[in-house]
C-alpha atoms as a PDB file:
ATOM      1  CA  UNK A   1      57.351 183.939 114.595  1.00  0.00           C
ATOM      2  CA  UNK A   2      59.552 182.837 117.495  1.00  0.00           C
ATOM      3  CA  UNK A   3      60.298 179.514 115.750  1.00  0.00           C
ATOM      4  CA  UNK A   4      61.458 181.280 112.565  1.00  0.00           C
ATOM      5  CA  UNK A   5      63.610 183.640 114.596  1.00  0.00           C
ATOM      6  CA  UNK A   6      65.286 180.698 116.420  1.00  0.00           C
ATOM      7  CA  UNK A   7      65.970 178.953 113.104  1.00  0.00           C
ATOM      8  CA  UNK A   8      67.558 182.097 111.674  1.00  0.00           C
ATOM      9  CA  UNK A   9      69.831 182.460 114.711  1.00  0.00           C
ATOM     10  CA  UNK A  10      70.982 178.795 114.483  1.00  0.00           C
ATOM     11  CA  UNK A  11      71.775 179.122 110.778  1.00  0.00           C
ATOM     12  CA  UNK A  12      73.736 182.309 111.379  1.00  0.00           C
ATOM     13  CA  UNK A  13      75.737 180.662 114.222  1.00  0.00           C
ATOM     14  CA  UNK A  14      76.518 177.582 112.107  1.00  0.00           C
ATOM     15  CA  UNK A  15      77.669 179.688 109.136  1.00  0.00           C
ATOM     16  CA  UNK A  16      80.093 181.617 111.366  1.00  0.00           C
ATOM     17  CA  UNK A  17      81.334 178.945 113.812  1.00  0.00           C
ATOM     18  CA  UNK A  18      80.620 175.717 111.908  1.00  0.00           C
ATOM     19  CA  UNK A  19      84.103 175.031 110.480  1.00  0.00           C
ATOM     20  CA  UNK A  20      85.825 175.775 113.798  1.00  0.00           C
ATOM     21  CA  UNK A  21      83.390 173.874 116.033  1.00  0.00           C
ATOM     22  CA  UNK A  22      82.457 170.898 113.879  1.00  0.00           C
ATOM     23  CA  UNK A  23      85.748 170.510 111.963  1.00  0.00           C
ATOM     24  CA  UNK A  24      84.265 170.577 108.477  1.00  0.00           C
ATOM     25  CA  UNK A  25      86.555 170.863 105.467  1.00  0.00           C
ATOM     26  CA  UNK A  26      87.357 174.356 104.266  1.00  0.00           C
ATOM     27  CA  UNK A  27      86.060 175.359 100.868  1.00  0.00           C
ATOM     28  CA  UNK A  28      88.333 176.389  98.058  1.00  0.00           C
ATOM     29  CA  UNK A  29      90.683 174.581  95.614  1.00  0.00           C
ATOM     30  CA  UNK A  30      93.730 173.212  97.476  1.00  0.00           C
ATOM     31  CA  UNK A  31      96.097 171.096  95.379  1.00  0.00           C
ATOM     32  CA  UNK A  32      99.372 169.313  96.002  1.00  0.00           C
ATOM     33  CA  UNK A  33     102.387 171.570  95.437  1.00  0.00           C
ATOM     34  CA  UNK A  34     100.523 174.772  96.294  1.00  0.00           C
ATOM     35  CA  UNK A  35     102.685 177.427  97.974  1.00  0.00           C
ATOM     36  CA  UNK A  36     101.882 178.826 101.390  1.00  0.00           C
ATOM     37  CA  UNK A  37     101.043 182.192  99.827  1.00  0.00           C
ATOM     38  CA  UNK A  38      98.550 180.549  97.471  1.00  0.00           C
ATOM     39  CA  UNK A  39      96.943 178.741 100.417  1.00  0.00           C
ATOM     40  CA  UNK A  40      96.501 182.037 102.285  1.00  0.00           C
ATOM     41  CA  UNK A  41      95.077 183.677  99.162  1.00  0.00           C
ATOM     42  CA  UNK A  42      92.592 180.800  98.804  1.00  0.00           C
ATOM     43  CA  UNK A  43      91.600 179.986 102.407  1.00  0.00           C
ATOM     44  CA  UNK A  44      92.738 183.073 104.255  1.00  0.00           C
ATOM     45  CA  UNK A  45      95.267 183.310 107.078  1.00  0.00           C
ATOM     46  CA  UNK A  46      95.490 180.139 109.266  1.00  0.00           C
ATOM     47  CA  UNK A  47      94.350 180.169 112.885  1.00  0.00           C
ATOM     48  CA  UNK A  48      97.880 179.101 113.897  1.00  0.00           C
ATOM     49  CA  UNK A  49     101.130 177.774 112.427  1.00  0.00           C
ATOM     50  CA  UNK A  50     103.875 175.494 113.692  1.00  0.00           C
ATOM     51  CA  UNK A  51     107.018 173.798 112.374  1.00  0.00           C
ATOM     52  CA  UNK A  52     108.247 170.359 113.370  1.00  0.00           C
ATOM     53  CA  UNK A  53     110.742 167.775 112.052  1.00  0.00           C
ATOM     54  CA  UNK A  54     111.443 169.615 108.797  1.00  0.00           C
ATOM     55  CA  UNK A  55     107.749 170.207 108.032  1.00  0.00           C
ATOM     56  CA  UNK A  56     105.437 173.196 108.534  1.00  0.00           C
ATOM     57  CA  UNK A  57     101.784 172.991 109.525  1.00  0.00           C
ATOM     58  CA  UNK A  58      98.977 175.498 108.859  1.00  0.00           C
ATOM     59  CA  UNK A  59      95.992 174.979 111.163  1.00  0.00           C
ATOM     60  CA  UNK A  60      92.476 175.966 110.121  1.00  0.00           C
ATOM     61  CA  UNK A  61      90.288 175.179 113.107  1.00  0.00           C
ATOM     62  CA  UNK A  62      90.381 171.397 113.464  1.00  0.00           C
ATOM     63  CA  UNK A  63      91.932 170.910 110.006  1.00  0.00           C
ATOM     64  CA  UNK A  64      95.632 170.793 109.069  1.00  0.00           C
ATOM     65  CA  UNK A  65      97.723 171.473 105.977  1.00  0.00           C
ATOM     66  CA  UNK A  66     101.264 170.044 106.000  1.00  0.00           C
ATOM     67  CA  UNK A  67     103.945 171.768 103.900  1.00  0.00           C
ATOM     68  CA  UNK A  68     107.295 170.399 102.754  1.00  0.00           C
ATOM     69  CA  UNK A  69     109.841 172.877 101.416  1.00  0.00           C
ATOM     70  CA  UNK A  70     107.156 175.580 101.345  1.00  0.00           C
ATOM     71  CA  UNK A  71     104.561 173.606  99.361  1.00  0.00           C
ATOM     72  CA  UNK A  72     101.439 171.593 100.301  1.00  0.00           C
ATOM     73  CA  UNK A  73     102.342 167.940 100.847  1.00  0.00           C
ATOM     74  CA  UNK A  74      99.170 166.546 102.432  1.00  0.00           C
ATOM     75  CA  UNK A  75      96.069 167.703 104.287  1.00  0.00           C
ATOM     76  CA  UNK A  76      93.884 166.586 107.158  1.00  0.00           C
ATOM     77  CA  UNK A  77      90.210 167.505 106.974  1.00  0.00           C
ATOM     78  CA  UNK A  78      90.628 169.595 103.801  1.00  0.00           C
ATOM     79  CA  UNK A  79      90.090 168.152 100.341  1.00  0.00           C
ATOM     80  CA  UNK A  80      93.270 168.173  98.258  1.00  0.00           C
ATOM     81  CA  UNK A  81      93.577 167.708  94.514  1.00  0.00           C
ATOM     82  CA  UNK A  82      96.647 166.063  92.965  1.00  0.00           C
ATOM     83  CA  UNK A  83      96.705 168.089  89.755  1.00  0.00           C
ATOM     84  CA  UNK A  84      97.082 171.804  89.098  1.00  0.00           C
ATOM     85  CA  UNK A  85      93.880 173.843  88.581  1.00  0.00           C
ATOM     86  CA  UNK A  86      94.205 173.720  84.788  1.00  0.00           C
ATOM     87  CA  UNK A  87      94.623 169.916  84.916  1.00  0.00           C
ATOM     88  CA  UNK A  88      97.855 169.958  82.893  1.00  0.00           C
ATOM     89  CA  UNK A  89     100.415 169.379  85.624  1.00  0.00           C
ATOM     90  CA  UNK A  90     101.126 167.307  88.698  1.00  0.00           C
ATOM     91  CA  UNK A  91     103.549 168.037  91.536  1.00  0.00           C
ATOM     92  CA  UNK A  92     105.658 165.263  93.101  1.00  0.00           C
ATOM     93  CA  UNK A  93     107.997 165.425  96.072  1.00  0.00           C
ATOM     94  CA  UNK A  94     111.007 163.286  96.999  1.00  0.00           C
ATOM     95  CA  UNK A  95     113.358 163.708  99.927  1.00  0.00           C
ATOM     96  CA  UNK A  96     116.692 165.086  98.775  1.00  0.00           C
ATOM     97  CA  UNK A  97     115.351 166.073  95.337  1.00  0.00           C
ATOM     98  CA  UNK A  98     112.634 168.521  96.298  1.00  0.00           C
ATOM     99  CA  UNK A  99     109.556 169.354  94.263  1.00  0.00           C
ATOM    100  CA  UNK A 100     109.091 168.510  90.592  1.00  0.00           C
ATOM    101  CA  UNK A 101     106.344 169.407  88.138  1.00  0.00           C
ATOM    102  CA  UNK A 102     105.737 166.686  85.547  1.00  0.00           C
ATOM    103  CA  UNK A 103     109.260 165.403  86.216  1.00  0.00           C
ATOM    104  CA  UNK A 104     110.996 168.798  85.880  1.00  0.00           C
ATOM    105  CA  UNK A 105     112.517 170.844  88.688  1.00  0.00           C
ATOM    106  CA  UNK A 106     110.545 173.908  89.722  1.00  0.00           C
ATOM    107  CA  UNK A 107     111.636 177.180  91.258  1.00  0.00           C
ATOM    108  CA  UNK A 108     110.669 177.634  94.915  1.00  0.00           C
ATOM    109  CA  UNK A 109     108.621 180.735  94.000  1.00  0.00           C
ATOM    110  CA  UNK A 110     106.796 179.141  91.075  1.00  0.00           C
ATOM    111  CA  UNK A 111     102.995 179.460  91.305  1.00  0.00           C
ATOM    112  CA  UNK A 112     100.527 177.203  89.534  1.00  0.00           C
ATOM    113  CA  UNK A 113      97.779 179.750  90.123  1.00  0.00           C
ATOM    114  CA  UNK A 114      97.784 183.255  88.688  1.00  0.00           C
ATOM    115  CA  UNK A 115      96.799 186.552  90.330  1.00  0.00           C
ATOM    116  CA  UNK A 116      95.274 189.445  88.379  1.00  0.00           C
ATOM    117  CA  UNK A 117      98.169 191.838  87.709  1.00  0.00           C
ATOM    118  CA  UNK A 118      99.043 193.990  84.743  1.00  0.00           C
ATOM    119  CA  UNK A 119     102.079 195.231  82.851  1.00  0.00           C
ATOM    120  CA  UNK A 120     105.586 194.354  83.952  1.00  0.00           C
ATOM    121  CA  UNK A 121     104.413 192.721  87.181  1.00  0.00           C
ATOM    122  CA  UNK A 122     102.464 190.131  85.183  1.00  0.00           C
ATOM    123  CA  UNK A 123     105.584 189.375  83.194  1.00  0.00           C
ATOM    124  CA  UNK A 124     107.641 189.054  86.390  1.00  0.00           C
ATOM    125  CA  UNK A 125     105.118 186.645  87.942  1.00  0.00           C
ATOM    126  CA  UNK A 126     104.730 184.468  84.856  1.00  0.00           C
ATOM    127  CA  UNK A 127     105.359 180.768  85.555  1.00  0.00           C
ATOM    128  CA  UNK A 128     109.040 179.969  85.334  1.00  0.00           C
ATOM    129  CA  UNK A 129     109.739 176.257  85.102  1.00  0.00           C
ATOM    130  CA  UNK A 130     113.413 175.496  85.669  1.00  0.00           C
ATOM    131  CA  UNK A 131     114.489 172.721  83.315  1.00  0.00           C
ATOM    132  CA  UNK A 132     117.797 170.904  83.228  1.00  0.00           C
ATOM    133  CA  UNK A 133     120.307 172.422  80.751  1.00  0.00           C
ATOM    134  CA  UNK A 134     120.295 170.668  77.346  1.00  0.00           C
ATOM    135  CA  UNK A 135     123.100 168.272  76.525  1.00  0.00           C
ATOM    136  CA  UNK A 136     125.627 169.509  73.944  1.00  0.00           C
ATOM    137  CA  UNK A 137     125.072 166.309  71.980  1.00  0.00           C
ATOM    138  CA  UNK A 138     121.851 165.296  70.306  1.00  0.00           C
ATOM    139  CA  UNK A 139     120.321 162.629  72.479  1.00  0.00           C
ATOM    140  CA  UNK A 140     116.890 161.180  72.960  1.00  0.00           C
ATOM    141  CA  UNK A 141     114.621 163.205  75.263  1.00  0.00           C
ATOM    142  CA  UNK A 142     114.757 162.026  78.882  1.00  0.00           C
ATOM    143  CA  UNK A 143     111.961 159.786  80.051  1.00  0.00           C
ATOM    144  CA  UNK A 144     109.870 161.420  82.749  1.00  0.00           C
ATOM    145  CA  UNK A 145     110.115 159.768  86.145  1.00  0.00           C
ATOM    146  CA  UNK A 146     107.026 157.831  87.223  1.00  0.00           C
ATOM    147  CA  UNK A 147     104.726 159.877  89.395  1.00  0.00           C
ATOM    148  CA  UNK A 148     104.065 158.169  92.715  1.00  0.00           C
ATOM    149  CA  UNK A 149     100.975 159.408  94.446  1.00  0.00           C
ATOM    150  CA  UNK A 150     100.650 158.943  98.198  1.00  0.00           C
ATOM    151  CA  UNK A 151      97.713 156.909  99.429  1.00  0.00           C
ATOM    152  CA  UNK A 152      94.665 159.024 100.197  1.00  0.00           C
ATOM    153  CA  UNK A 153      94.017 159.182 103.911  1.00  0.00           C
ATOM    154  CA  UNK A 154      90.619 159.701 105.483  1.00  0.00           C
ATOM    155  CA  UNK A 155      89.857 163.105 106.936  1.00  0.00           C
ATOM    156  CA  UNK A 156      90.659 163.394 110.616  1.00  0.00           C
ATOM    157  CA  UNK A 157      91.135 166.000 113.312  1.00  0.00           C
ATOM    158  CA  UNK A 158      94.387 167.305 114.738  1.00  0.00           C
ATOM    159  CA  UNK A 159      97.254 164.846 114.274  1.00  0.00           C
ATOM    160  CA  UNK A 160      99.031 163.654 117.388  1.00  0.00           C
ATOM    161  CA  UNK A 161     102.723 164.088 116.565  1.00  0.00           C
ATOM    162  CA  UNK A 162     103.844 162.265 119.732  1.00  0.00           C
ATOM    163  CA  UNK A 163     103.397 158.921 117.933  1.00  0.00           C
ATOM    164  CA  UNK A 164     105.608 160.107 115.057  1.00  0.00           C
ATOM    165  CA  UNK A 165     108.236 161.295 117.550  1.00  0.00           C
ATOM    166  CA  UNK A 166     108.209 157.919 119.314  1.00  0.00           C
ATOM    167  CA  UNK A 167     108.607 156.081 115.996  1.00  0.00           C
ATOM    168  CA  UNK A 168     111.455 158.394 114.962  1.00  0.00           C
ATOM    169  CA  UNK A 169     113.191 157.867 118.320  1.00  0.00           C
ATOM    170  CA  UNK A 170     112.835 154.079 117.999  1.00  0.00           C
ATOM    171  CA  UNK A 171     114.270 154.122 114.469  1.00  0.00           C
ATOM    172  CA  UNK A 172     117.182 156.247 115.685  1.00  0.00           C
ATOM    173  CA  UNK A 173     117.843 153.734 118.462  1.00  0.00           C
ATOM    174  CA  UNK A 174     117.922 150.903 115.894  1.00  0.00           C
ATOM    175  CA  UNK A 175     120.391 152.895 113.781  1.00  0.00           C
ATOM    176  CA  UNK A 176     122.578 153.444 116.853  1.00  0.00           C
ATOM    177  CA  UNK A 177     122.530 149.726 117.634  1.00  0.00           C
ATOM    178  CA  UNK A 178     123.510 148.893 114.035  1.00  0.00           C
ATOM    179  CA  UNK A 179     126.347 151.437 114.165  1.00  0.00           C
ATOM    180  CA  UNK A 180     127.710 149.885 117.391  1.00  0.00           C
ATOM    181  CA  UNK A 181     126.983 152.731 119.797  1.00  0.00           C
ATOM    182  CA  UNK A 182     124.944 150.419 122.071  1.00  0.00           C
ATOM    183  CA  UNK A 183     127.619 147.721 122.464  1.00  0.00           C
ATOM    184  CA  UNK A 184     127.195 147.376 126.211  1.00  0.00           C
ATOM    185  CA  UNK A 185     127.416 143.562 126.032  1.00  0.00           C
ATOM    186  CA  UNK A 186     130.456 143.501 123.767  1.00  0.00           C
ATOM    187  CA  UNK A 187     132.873 142.932 126.642  1.00  0.00           C
ATOM    188  CA  UNK A 188     130.972 139.870 127.848  1.00  0.00           C
ATOM    189  CA  UNK A 189     130.583 138.427 124.359  1.00  0.00           C
ATOM    190  CA  UNK A 190     134.337 138.744 123.773  1.00  0.00           C
ATOM    191  CA  UNK A 191     134.927 137.001 127.102  1.00  0.00           C
ATOM    192  CA  UNK A 192     132.664 134.116 126.060  1.00  0.00           C
ATOM    193  CA  UNK A 193     134.456 133.783 122.713  1.00  0.00           C
ATOM    194  CA  UNK A 194     137.869 133.746 124.410  1.00  0.00           C
ATOM    195  CA  UNK A 195     136.673 131.145 126.901  1.00  0.00           C
ATOM    196  CA  UNK A 196     135.308 128.901 124.158  1.00  0.00           C
ATOM    197  CA  UNK A 197     138.394 129.204 121.941  1.00  0.00           C
ATOM    198  CA  UNK A 198     140.964 128.612 124.690  1.00  0.00           C
ATOM    199  CA  UNK A 199     141.808 124.851 124.946  1.00  0.00           C
ATOM    200  CA  UNK A 200     142.349 123.055 128.230  1.00  0.00           C
ATOM    201  CA  UNK A 201     145.974 122.520 129.329  1.00  0.00           C
ATOM    202  CA  UNK A 202     147.376 118.996 129.392  1.00  0.00           C
ATOM    203  CA  UNK A 203     146.896 118.624 133.115  1.00  0.00           C
ATOM    204  CA  UNK A 204     143.255 119.738 132.777  1.00  0.00           C
ATOM    205  CA  UNK A 205     142.628 117.071 130.147  1.00  0.00           C
ATOM    206  CA  UNK A 206     144.344 114.525 132.385  1.00  0.00           C
ATOM    207  CA  UNK A 207     142.073 115.403 135.309  1.00  0.00           C
ATOM    208  CA  UNK A 208     138.963 115.141 133.089  1.00  0.00           C
ATOM    209  CA  UNK A 209     140.001 111.718 131.787  1.00  0.00           C
ATOM    210  CA  UNK A 210     140.863 110.496 135.286  1.00  0.00           C
ATOM    211  CA  UNK A 211     137.496 111.537 136.698  1.00  0.00           C
ATOM    212  CA  UNK A 212     135.642 110.019 133.727  1.00  0.00           C
ATOM    213  CA  UNK A 213     137.601 106.769 134.006  1.00  0.00           C
ATOM    214  CA  UNK A 214     136.992 106.512 137.768  1.00  0.00           C
ATOM    215  CA  UNK A 215     133.241 107.139 137.437  1.00  0.00           C
ATOM    216  CA  UNK A 216     132.931 104.648 134.570  1.00  0.00           C
ATOM    217  CA  UNK A 217     134.886 101.983 136.485  1.00  0.00           C
ATOM    218  CA  UNK A 218     132.901 102.346 139.731  1.00  0.00           C
ATOM    219  CA  UNK A 219     129.500 102.492 138.032  1.00  0.00           C
ATOM    220  CA  UNK A 220     130.243  99.544 135.685  1.00  0.00           C
ATOM    221  CA  UNK A 221     131.490  97.389 138.590  1.00  0.00           C
ATOM    222  CA  UNK A 222     128.442  98.100 140.761  1.00  0.00           C
ATOM    223  CA  UNK A 223     125.864  97.587 137.995  1.00  0.00           C
ATOM    224  CA  UNK A 224     127.538  94.334 136.883  1.00  0.00           C
ATOM    225  CA  UNK A 225     127.338  92.991 140.436  1.00  0.00           C
ATOM    226  CA  UNK A 226     123.653  93.955 140.584  1.00  0.00           C
ATOM    227  CA  UNK A 227     122.965  92.491 137.103  1.00  0.00           C
ATOM    228  CA  UNK A 228     124.594  89.145 137.896  1.00  0.00           C
ATOM    229  CA  UNK A 229     122.615  89.004 141.163  1.00  0.00           C
ATOM    230  CA  UNK A 230     119.322  89.766 139.360  1.00  0.00           C
ATOM    231  CA  UNK A 231     120.067  87.094 136.753  1.00  0.00           C
ATOM    232  CA  UNK A 232     121.084  84.599 139.510  1.00  0.00           C
ATOM    233  CA  UNK A 233     124.416  83.779 137.903  1.00  0.00           C
ATOM    234  CA  UNK A 234     127.398  83.315 140.265  1.00  0.00           C
ATOM    235  CA  UNK A 235     130.411  85.556 139.691  1.00  0.00           C
ATOM    236  CA  UNK A 236     133.544  86.442 141.632  1.00  0.00           C
ATOM    237  CA  UNK A 237     134.575  89.969 142.589  1.00  0.00           C
ATOM    238  CA  UNK A 238     137.915  89.749 140.771  1.00  0.00           C
ATOM    239  CA  UNK A 239     136.073  88.902 137.542  1.00  0.00           C
ATOM    240  CA  UNK A 240     133.697  91.862 137.954  1.00  0.00           C
ATOM    241  CA  UNK A 241     136.574  94.235 138.800  1.00  0.00           C
ATOM    242  CA  UNK A 242     138.496  93.117 135.703  1.00  0.00           C
ATOM    243  CA  UNK A 243     135.432  93.511 133.454  1.00  0.00           C
ATOM    244  CA  UNK A 244     134.701  96.945 134.990  1.00  0.00           C
ATOM    245  CA  UNK A 245     138.308  98.103 134.494  1.00  0.00           C
ATOM    246  CA  UNK A 246     138.507  97.012 130.856  1.00  0.00           C
ATOM    247  CA  UNK A 247     135.007  98.363 130.124  1.00  0.00           C
ATOM    248  CA  UNK A 248     135.981 101.778 131.536  1.00  0.00           C
ATOM    249  CA  UNK A 249     139.100 101.865 129.349  1.00  0.00           C
ATOM    250  CA  UNK A 250     137.153 100.767 126.254  1.00  0.00           C
ATOM    251  CA  UNK A 251     134.331 103.233 126.884  1.00  0.00           C
ATOM    252  CA  UNK A 252     136.686 106.206 127.232  1.00  0.00           C
ATOM    253  CA  UNK A 253     138.646 105.058 124.176  1.00  0.00           C
ATOM    254  CA  UNK A 254     135.479 104.918 122.068  1.00  0.00           C
ATOM    255  CA  UNK A 255     134.385 108.380 123.277  1.00  0.00           C
ATOM    256  CA  UNK A 256     137.793 109.888 122.448  1.00  0.00           C
ATOM    257  CA  UNK A 257     137.795 108.292 118.987  1.00  0.00           C
ATOM    258  CA  UNK A 258     134.283 109.546 118.237  1.00  0.00           C
ATOM    259  CA  UNK A 259     135.181 113.089 119.310  1.00  0.00           C
ATOM    260  CA  UNK A 260     138.502 113.111 117.467  1.00  0.00           C
ATOM    261  CA  UNK A 261     137.161 111.848 114.146  1.00  0.00           C
ATOM    262  CA  UNK A 262     133.898 113.809 114.615  1.00  0.00           C
ATOM    263  CA  UNK A 263     131.672 110.785 114.092  1.00  0.00           C
ATOM    264  CA  UNK A 264     127.949 111.347 114.564  1.00  0.00           C
ATOM    265  CA  UNK A 265     126.884 107.937 115.767  1.00  0.00           C
ATOM    266  CA  UNK A 266     123.989 108.963 118.012  1.00  0.00           C
ATOM    267  CA  UNK A 267     122.168 105.945 119.459  1.00  0.00           C
ATOM    268  CA  UNK A 268     124.520 103.550 117.611  1.00  0.00           C
ATOM    269  CA  UNK A 269     127.214 104.393 120.182  1.00  0.00           C
ATOM    270  CA  UNK A 270     125.051 102.817 122.893  1.00  0.00           C
ATOM    271  CA  UNK A 271     124.914  99.486 121.001  1.00  0.00           C
ATOM    272  CA  UNK A 272     128.683  99.584 120.384  1.00  0.00           C
ATOM    273  CA  UNK A 273     129.360  99.828 124.123  1.00  0.00           C
ATOM    274  CA  UNK A 274     126.734  97.152 124.776  1.00  0.00           C
ATOM    275  CA  UNK A 275     128.497  94.781 122.370  1.00  0.00           C
ATOM    276  CA  UNK A 276     131.871  95.473 124.042  1.00  0.00           C
ATOM    277  CA  UNK A 277     130.363  94.693 127.464  1.00  0.00           C
ATOM    278  CA  UNK A 278     128.867  91.424 126.159  1.00  0.00           C
ATOM    279  CA  UNK A 279     132.269  90.351 124.786  1.00  0.00           C
ATOM    280  CA  UNK A 280     134.003  91.104 128.082  1.00  0.00           C
ATOM    281  CA  UNK A 281     131.349  89.170 130.038  1.00  0.00           C
ATOM    282  CA  UNK A 282     131.735  86.107 127.816  1.00  0.00           C
ATOM    283  CA  UNK A 283     135.553  86.308 127.755  1.00  0.00           C
ATOM    284  CA  UNK A 284     136.280  87.045 131.439  1.00  0.00           C
ATOM    285  CA  UNK A 285     133.437  85.344 133.368  1.00  0.00           C
ATOM    286  CA  UNK A 286     131.883  81.886 133.425  1.00  0.00           C
ATOM    287  CA  UNK A 287     129.052  82.987 131.123  1.00  0.00           C
ATOM    288  CA  UNK A 288     129.275  81.134 127.817  1.00  0.00           C
ATOM    289  CA  UNK A 289     125.872  81.667 126.191  1.00  0.00           C
ATOM    290  CA  UNK A 290     125.429  84.884 124.207  1.00  0.00           C
ATOM    291  CA  UNK A 291     121.800  85.122 125.337  1.00  0.00           C
ATOM    292  CA  UNK A 292     122.774  85.138 129.003  1.00  0.00           C
ATOM    293  CA  UNK A 293     125.576  87.645 128.371  1.00  0.00           C
ATOM    294  CA  UNK A 294     123.133  89.885 126.461  1.00  0.00           C
ATOM    295  CA  UNK A 295     120.576  89.744 129.289  1.00  0.00           C
ATOM    296  CA  UNK A 296     123.209  90.626 131.905  1.00  0.00           C
ATOM    297  CA  UNK A 297     124.542  93.484 129.764  1.00  0.00           C
ATOM    298  CA  UNK A 298     121.015  94.894 129.225  1.00  0.00           C
ATOM    299  CA  UNK A 299     120.249  94.707 132.961  1.00  0.00           C
ATOM    300  CA  UNK A 300     123.562  96.420 133.740  1.00  0.00           C
ATOM    301  CA  UNK A 301     122.826  99.263 131.296  1.00  0.00           C
ATOM    302  CA  UNK A 302     119.318  99.766 132.688  1.00  0.00           C
ATOM    303  CA  UNK A 303     120.644  99.867 136.243  1.00  0.00           C
ATOM    304  CA  UNK A 304     123.358 102.355 135.191  1.00  0.00           C
ATOM    305  CA  UNK A 305     120.729 104.662 133.653  1.00  0.00           C
ATOM    306  CA  UNK A 306     118.680 104.504 136.853  1.00  0.00           C
ATOM    307  CA  UNK A 307     121.772 105.324 138.930  1.00  0.00           C
ATOM    308  CA  UNK A 308     122.605 108.259 136.684  1.00  0.00           C
ATOM    309  CA  UNK A 309     119.093 109.695 137.060  1.00  0.00           C
ATOM    310  CA  UNK A 310     119.260 109.221 140.828  1.00  0.00           C
ATOM    311  CA  UNK A 311     122.596 111.062 140.925  1.00  0.00           C
ATOM    312  CA  UNK A 312     121.181 113.914 138.829  1.00  0.00           C
ATOM    313  CA  UNK A 313     118.144 114.157 141.119  1.00  0.00           C
ATOM    314  CA  UNK A 314     120.352 114.267 144.220  1.00  0.00           C
ATOM    315  CA  UNK A 315     122.571 116.976 142.688  1.00  0.00           C
ATOM    316  CA  UNK A 316     119.517 119.095 141.777  1.00  0.00           C
ATOM    317  CA  UNK A 317     118.211 118.757 145.351  1.00  0.00           C
ATOM    318  CA  UNK A 318     121.581 119.785 146.801  1.00  0.00           C
ATOM    319  CA  UNK A 319     121.863 122.800 144.492  1.00  0.00           C
ATOM    320  CA  UNK A 320     118.306 123.842 145.341  1.00  0.00           C
ATOM    321  CA  UNK A 321     118.973 123.530 149.053  1.00  0.00           C
ATOM    322  CA  UNK A 322     122.129 125.623 148.728  1.00  0.00           C
ATOM    323  CA  UNK A 323     120.265 128.334 146.790  1.00  0.00           C
ATOM    324  CA  UNK A 324     117.468 128.428 149.367  1.00  0.00           C
ATOM    325  CA  UNK A 325     119.938 128.680 152.231  1.00  0.00           C
ATOM    326  CA  UNK A 326     121.863 131.427 150.424  1.00  0.00           C
ATOM    327  CA  UNK A 327     118.650 133.336 149.795  1.00  0.00           C
ATOM    328  CA  UNK A 328     117.534 133.065 153.410  1.00  0.00           C
ATOM    329  CA  UNK A 329     120.916 134.423 154.516  1.00  0.00           C
ATOM    330  CA  UNK A 330     120.087 137.725 152.845  1.00  0.00           C
END
């Protein structure tokens, strides 16, 4: 007897509190395009209501019905049909166009369900589909717009609207960036463009050429002296100085010509300068064999590359030391 009594109490509790506690779907026909009044007539008054971002929400325990322009758009936890109860119509919704029934505009008070009334009230509440006025000319009937059904979503509990708000805020930020409201780096970008477009004055170009010529002359003279010593071939300083001077002039001339005519020689430029150096060695020193001149030129180029890397390494060390000392000063 006690077991039967306990079972009866549990069944009674579940029938009363089940939908609110366990979030089961409400019973009753809910279809897309149903008005709020029809929802209340079918399911009863909601436990609470709220409006957000142009949409209204009717809460039934843990289940939600979302309305757009006063009609059911989608549900959470409640089964929703996509056709009217009689199966002859289907509501569609588009932003800016509102609700349509089978492609035709509908009045905001139009009901797809009927309520038992009599006399003039029944006439007043008869379905009134608002169609577009007919054209004065005889034309072919308009083709109904394709009905796009939203993807069915699985039933869930209360929807967290904070994610939707974050997405909306992010999209608004992207729109602001596209419209130019977040142009906080515009001033710096204009500065970079002005700096790149402004050419150097004549005296600036002269200083650049002078420094390049001096570096090329000193490096070529030193590496030639080292190359002749490695090869064991005697050479006088005046010969090396003359070869270094002419090689510096030729090297800068080739670089200027390549830049001016916009040649893309790549590694070929290295062999051009190597051939010029070989010709100067044969013409201005006691070297007569092309093989010996080629070996000296190759050694000189290798030594110059090593010197360049050493100079780069020393500059990096100096810059690093300066940065460390500046950081320690703070």
